[in-house]
Amino acid sequence: MRIDSHQHFWNYDPAQYGWIQPGSVLQRSYLPSDLLIELTASKIDGCIAVQARQDLAENDFLLGLAHENSFIKGVVGWIDLQSGSVAEQANKFATQDRAIGVRHVVQDEPDPDFMKRAAFRRGIATLEPLGLAYDILIYWHQLEDAIDLVKNFPNQNFVLDHIAKPPIATGQMQPWANHIQTLAGFANLSCKVSGMVTEADHQSWDSTLLRPYFDTVLEAFGPNRLLFGSDWPVIRLAAEYRAFLKAIQEFISPLSQSEQASIMGLNAARIYRLDR
């Protein structure tokens, strides 16, 4: 099974999606019927829908789409991990069909020590007993705190989004690469090879610019802990779906057929427990 492990849906509303810049190609609604065109053309069997706004209503929206569209295999939603009612929120979400994980947009938090907050970590502690994964969304300069987080929750299933958004546009590799190697030492964390093109120059990227970053995470995590994700429709800021997929397929072509199948979907099915 081929699975896109990371994409988004929304009914565009400027108040709800303030992070979308005026005039952007993202400034419109993106719904399952739009994505299905790309999945069908790319022979992708299903996808995982990931939250795009920090509101409990996002869970109902995405789970509703999943119930209406069988190709949406799972939902990574949002709960307020710092709330006093986090356990109640987590339990309510976890009991829903196709609820597989949660995410918080840590990359936008002004507090540089956000991941060290006691309230945030109490929230993280509620996830493992419920079988919910936690998607880590950060920039490369936040990797040291991510290492500390993963280290302190050895039984929690973590997934790193967008290879931690390294500065691909400038070609800088360090200290990102060293931190990735350290983070990969924790067996409870996997990594999505998603969102790479949006960290490159949107107008002039090509696969040769992405290749060193892909090779770094492949060496660090191996083919059994990498997940293909498109980050559609955000990817459209820099590339169309099939162009990015072509680059990933180029990168994994030297691997065995079983290793390619793992990256292109089997890992997502296993790591997110899509068959539960």
Protein backbone atom coordinates (compact mmCIF):
# COMPACT_ATOMS: atom_id res chain seq x y z
CA MET A 1 0.00 0.00 0.00
CA ARG A 2 1.27 3.45 -0.96
CA ILE A 3 0.36 6.15 1.56
CA ASP A 4 0.96 9.88 1.61
CA SER A 5 1.70 10.34 5.32
CA HIS A 6 1.26 14.11 5.45
CA GLN A 7 -1.26 16.44 3.83
CA HIS A 8 -3.90 18.98 4.81
CA PHE A 9 -7.49 19.95 4.09
CA TRP A 10 -9.29 23.19 4.78
CA ASN A 11 -12.31 25.29 3.94
CA TYR A 12 -10.49 28.57 3.54
CA ASP A 13 -11.37 31.31 6.01
CA PRO A 14 -8.82 34.10 6.60
CA ALA A 15 -9.74 34.28 10.28
CA GLN A 16 -9.16 30.55 10.79
CA TYR A 17 -6.03 30.27 8.66
CA GLY A 18 -4.16 33.48 9.40
CA TRP A 19 -0.83 31.82 8.56
CA ILE A 20 -1.78 31.75 4.87
CA GLN A 21 -0.35 34.84 3.18
CA PRO A 22 -2.63 37.10 1.08
CA GLY A 23 -2.31 36.33 -2.62
CA SER A 24 -0.91 32.87 -1.91
CA VAL A 25 -1.91 29.85 -4.00
CA LEU A 26 -3.08 28.44 -0.66
CA GLN A 27 -5.75 31.12 -0.28
CA ARG A 28 -8.62 28.85 -1.34
CA SER A 29 -10.30 25.70 -0.06
CA TYR A 30 -8.54 22.36 -0.48
CA LEU A 31 -10.72 19.31 0.01
CA PRO A 32 -10.56 15.54 -0.58
CA SER A 33 -11.87 15.78 -4.13
CA ASP A 34 -8.88 18.00 -5.00
CA LEU A 35 -6.33 15.64 -3.49
CA LEU A 36 -7.88 12.53 -4.99
CA ILE A 37 -6.90 13.79 -8.45
CA GLU A 38 -3.24 13.77 -7.39
CA LEU A 39 -3.41 10.47 -5.52
CA THR A 40 -5.05 8.70 -8.44
CA ALA A 41 -2.57 10.06 -10.96
CA SER A 42 0.33 9.09 -8.68
CA LYS A 43 -1.02 5.63 -7.78
CA ILE A 44 -1.15 6.52 -4.10
CA ASP A 45 -3.71 4.41 -2.22
CA GLY A 46 -4.42 6.66 0.72
CA CYS A 47 -3.32 9.53 2.90
CA ILE A 48 -3.03 10.83 6.44
CA ALA A 49 -4.72 14.18 7.09
CA VAL A 50 -2.81 16.46 9.48
CA GLN A 51 -4.19 19.43 11.41
CA ALA A 52 -3.73 22.90 9.95
CA ARG A 53 -5.30 24.98 12.73
CA GLN A 54 -5.10 24.74 16.51
CA ASP A 55 -8.73 24.31 17.42
CA LEU A 56 -10.64 21.30 18.71
CA ALA A 57 -13.10 21.84 15.86
CA GLU A 58 -10.30 20.75 13.51
CA ASN A 59 -10.63 17.20 14.82
CA ASP A 60 -14.34 17.03 13.97
CA PHE A 61 -13.69 18.52 10.54
CA LEU A 62 -10.90 16.10 9.59
CA LEU A 63 -12.53 13.02 11.11
CA GLY A 64 -15.74 13.89 9.29
CA LEU A 65 -13.83 14.01 5.99
CA ALA A 66 -12.18 10.69 6.84
CA HIS A 67 -15.54 9.05 7.47
CA GLU A 68 -16.79 10.32 4.10
CA ASN A 69 -13.64 9.35 2.16
CA SER A 70 -12.15 5.91 2.67
CA PHE A 71 -8.79 6.92 1.19
CA ILE A 72 -8.15 9.13 4.27
CA LYS A 73 -6.62 6.40 6.40
CA GLY A 74 -5.92 8.42 9.53
CA VAL A 75 -6.08 11.84 11.17
CA VAL A 76 -3.37 13.64 13.12
CA GLY A 77 -5.43 16.17 15.01
CA TRP A 78 -4.95 18.78 17.71
CA ILE A 79 -5.63 18.93 21.42
CA ASP A 80 -4.54 21.57 23.90
CA LEU A 81 -1.62 19.74 25.46
CA GLN A 82 -1.20 22.44 28.12
CA SER A 83 -4.83 22.40 29.20
CA GLY A 84 -5.97 21.16 32.58
CA SER A 85 -8.48 19.04 30.67
CA VAL A 86 -5.90 17.51 28.33
CA ALA A 87 -6.63 13.96 29.49
CA GLU A 88 -10.32 14.40 28.70
CA GLN A 89 -9.51 15.90 25.29
CA ALA A 90 -7.04 13.13 24.47
CA ASN A 91 -9.44 10.38 25.50
CA LYS A 92 -12.28 11.85 23.47
CA PHE A 93 -10.11 12.11 20.38
CA ALA A 94 -8.48 8.70 20.76
CA THR A 95 -11.83 6.90 20.81
CA GLN A 96 -12.72 8.22 17.35
CA ASP A 97 -12.31 5.99 14.31
CA ARG A 98 -9.13 6.92 12.35
CA ALA A 99 -7.74 9.16 15.12
CA ILE A 100 -4.05 8.21 15.09
CA GLY A 101 -2.04 11.12 16.50
CA VAL A 102 -1.85 14.76 17.50
CA ARG A 103 0.33 17.72 16.63
CA HIS A 104 1.09 21.16 18.00
CA VAL A 105 2.64 23.92 15.86
CA VAL A 106 5.73 24.30 18.04
CA GLN A 107 7.61 26.05 15.22
CA ASP A 108 5.45 29.15 15.77
CA GLU A 109 5.71 29.29 19.57
CA PRO A 110 7.53 32.45 20.71
CA ASP A 111 8.86 30.73 23.84
CA PRO A 112 12.18 29.08 22.86
CA ASP A 113 11.74 26.65 25.77
CA PHE A 114 8.19 25.65 24.86
CA MET A 115 8.98 21.93 24.64
CA LYS A 116 10.46 22.06 28.14
CA ARG A 117 7.30 23.43 29.75
CA ALA A 118 5.93 21.18 32.47
CA ALA A 119 2.36 21.63 31.23
CA PHE A 120 3.31 20.65 27.67
CA ARG A 121 5.12 17.54 28.89
CA ARG A 122 2.18 16.55 31.09
CA GLY A 123 0.12 16.68 27.91
CA ILE A 124 2.60 14.53 26.00
CA ALA A 125 2.41 11.97 28.82
CA THR A 126 -1.31 11.44 28.13
CA LEU A 127 -0.73 10.19 24.58
CA GLU A 128 1.28 6.97 24.91
CA PRO A 129 -1.32 5.03 26.99
CA LEU A 130 -3.91 5.88 24.32
CA GLY A 131 -1.74 4.74 21.42
CA LEU A 132 -1.59 8.22 19.89
CA ALA A 133 1.52 9.32 18.00
CA TYR A 134 2.89 12.83 18.39
CA ASP A 135 4.05 14.72 15.29
CA ILE A 136 6.94 17.09 16.03
CA LEU A 137 6.67 20.26 13.93
CA ILE A 138 9.75 22.43 14.44
CA TYR A 139 12.48 24.34 12.66
CA TRP A 140 16.02 22.98 12.59
CA HIS A 141 17.20 25.36 15.34
CA GLN A 142 14.74 23.70 17.76
CA LEU A 143 16.23 20.24 17.34
CA GLU A 144 18.16 20.21 20.61
CA ASP A 145 14.95 20.60 22.58
CA ALA A 146 13.31 17.92 20.43
CA ILE A 147 16.16 15.57 21.32
CA ASP A 148 15.53 16.22 25.01
CA LEU A 149 11.79 15.66 24.58
CA VAL A 150 12.15 12.35 22.78
CA LYS A 151 14.79 11.19 25.27
CA ASN A 152 12.47 11.82 28.20
CA PHE A 153 9.51 9.93 26.70
CA PRO A 154 11.12 6.67 25.50
CA ASN A 155 7.79 4.85 25.09
CA GLN A 156 6.01 7.60 23.17
CA ASN A 157 5.73 7.19 19.41
CA PHE A 158 7.15 10.37 17.82
CA VAL A 159 7.20 11.37 14.15
CA LEU A 160 9.37 14.27 12.97
CA ASP A 161 7.65 16.39 10.34
CA HIS A 162 9.43 17.85 7.30
CA ILE A 163 12.90 16.59 8.38
CA ALA A 164 12.85 19.50 10.90
CA LYS A 165 12.89 22.15 8.15
CA PRO A 166 16.61 22.60 7.52
CA PRO A 167 17.84 25.74 5.66
CA ILE A 168 17.82 24.11 2.23
CA ALA A 169 17.60 27.47 0.45
CA THR A 170 21.10 28.39 1.67
CA GLY A 171 22.58 24.89 1.39
CA GLN A 172 23.54 24.89 5.08
CA MET A 173 23.87 21.39 6.53
CA GLN A 174 25.20 21.94 10.04
CA PRO A 175 24.31 21.78 12.85
CA TRP A 176 21.08 20.29 11.46
CA ALA A 177 22.77 17.09 10.19
CA ASN A 178 24.52 16.36 13.50
CA HIS A 179 21.31 16.89 15.46
CA ILE A 180 19.44 14.60 13.06
CA GLN A 181 22.00 11.87 13.68
CA THR A 182 21.54 12.26 17.43
CA LEU A 183 17.76 12.27 17.21
CA ALA A 184 17.75 9.19 15.02
CA GLY A 185 19.46 7.33 17.85
CA PHE A 186 16.10 7.11 19.60
CA ALA A 187 14.16 4.14 18.24
CA ASN A 188 10.79 5.67 19.20
CA LEU A 189 11.08 8.39 16.55
CA SER A 190 10.54 8.27 12.79
CA CYS A 191 10.90 10.98 10.15
CA LYS A 192 8.75 12.26 7.31
CA VAL A 193 10.52 13.24 4.10
CA SER A 194 7.91 15.93 3.55
CA GLY A 195 7.97 19.70 3.25
CA MET A 196 11.45 19.78 1.76
CA VAL A 197 10.76 21.91 -1.30
CA THR A 198 9.17 24.71 0.71
CA GLU A 199 12.46 25.11 2.61
CA ALA A 200 14.32 25.46 -0.71
CA ASP A 201 14.15 28.42 -3.06
CA HIS A 202 10.58 28.28 -4.32
CA GLN A 203 11.50 29.42 -7.80
CA SER A 204 14.72 27.55 -8.49
CA TRP A 205 14.76 24.31 -6.50
CA ASP A 206 15.65 21.02 -8.11
CA SER A 207 16.31 17.52 -6.86
CA THR A 208 20.08 18.04 -6.64
CA LEU A 209 19.52 20.67 -3.95
CA LEU A 210 17.28 18.36 -1.92
CA ARG A 211 19.44 15.26 -2.32
CA PRO A 212 22.03 15.90 0.45
CA TYR A 213 19.24 16.43 2.98
CA PHE A 214 17.40 13.29 1.93
CA ASP A 215 20.61 11.27 2.02
CA THR A 216 21.29 12.53 5.55
CA VAL A 217 17.96 11.36 6.93
CA LEU A 218 18.16 8.08 5.02
CA GLU A 219 21.55 7.36 6.55
CA ALA A 220 20.35 8.40 10.00
CA PHE A 221 16.96 6.68 10.15
CA GLY A 222 17.30 3.96 7.55
CA PRO A 223 14.49 2.92 5.17
CA ASN A 224 12.34 1.47 7.98
CA ARG A 225 11.83 4.80 9.77
CA LEU A 226 11.28 7.17 6.85
CA LEU A 227 7.80 8.08 5.62
CA PHE A 228 6.90 9.71 2.33
CA GLY A 229 4.67 12.76 2.79
CA SER A 230 3.72 15.40 0.26
CA ASP A 231 2.66 18.26 2.56
CA TRP A 232 -0.01 19.03 -0.05
CA PRO A 233 -1.33 21.64 -0.60
CA VAL A 234 1.39 23.65 1.21
CA ILE A 235 3.87 22.11 -1.21
CA ARG A 236 2.21 24.16 -3.95
CA LEU A 237 4.12 27.21 -2.73
CA ALA A 238 7.12 25.69 -4.49
CA ALA A 239 6.10 22.63 -6.52
CA GLU A 240 3.22 20.51 -7.68
CA TYR A 241 2.49 17.13 -6.13
CA ARG A 242 3.87 14.98 -8.91
CA ALA A 243 7.12 16.96 -9.21
CA PHE A 244 7.99 16.35 -5.56
CA LEU A 245 6.93 12.70 -5.75
CA LYS A 246 9.21 12.28 -8.77
CA ALA A 247 12.16 13.62 -6.76
CA ILE A 248 11.48 11.23 -3.86
CA GLN A 249 11.17 8.28 -6.23
CA GLU A 250 14.49 9.29 -7.78
CA PHE A 251 16.13 9.37 -4.33
CA ILE A 252 14.87 5.93 -3.30
CA SER A 253 15.43 4.21 -6.67
CA PRO A 254 18.78 2.61 -5.59
CA LEU A 255 17.03 0.89 -2.66
CA SER A 256 15.49 -2.56 -2.79
CA GLN A 257 11.84 -2.92 -3.75
CA SER A 258 10.91 -3.77 -0.16
CA GLU A 259 12.77 -0.72 1.18
CA GLN A 260 11.05 1.52 -1.35
CA ALA A 261 7.68 0.07 -0.39
CA SER A 262 8.44 0.76 3.26
CA ILE A 263 9.17 4.45 2.67
CA MET A 264 6.24 4.86 0.28
CA GLY A 265 3.59 3.56 2.66
CA LEU A 266 4.27 0.46 4.72
CA ASN A 267 6.13 2.44 7.37
CA ALA A 268 3.23 4.88 7.72
CA ALA A 269 0.78 2.00 8.12
CA ARG A 270 2.94 0.40 10.82
CA ILE A 271 4.07 3.50 12.71
CA TYR A 272 0.62 5.08 12.83
CA ARG A 273 -1.07 1.71 13.43
CA LEU A 274 -3.53 2.28 10.62
CA ASP A 275 -4.92 -1.24 10.99
CA ARG A 276 -5.99 -0.84 14.61
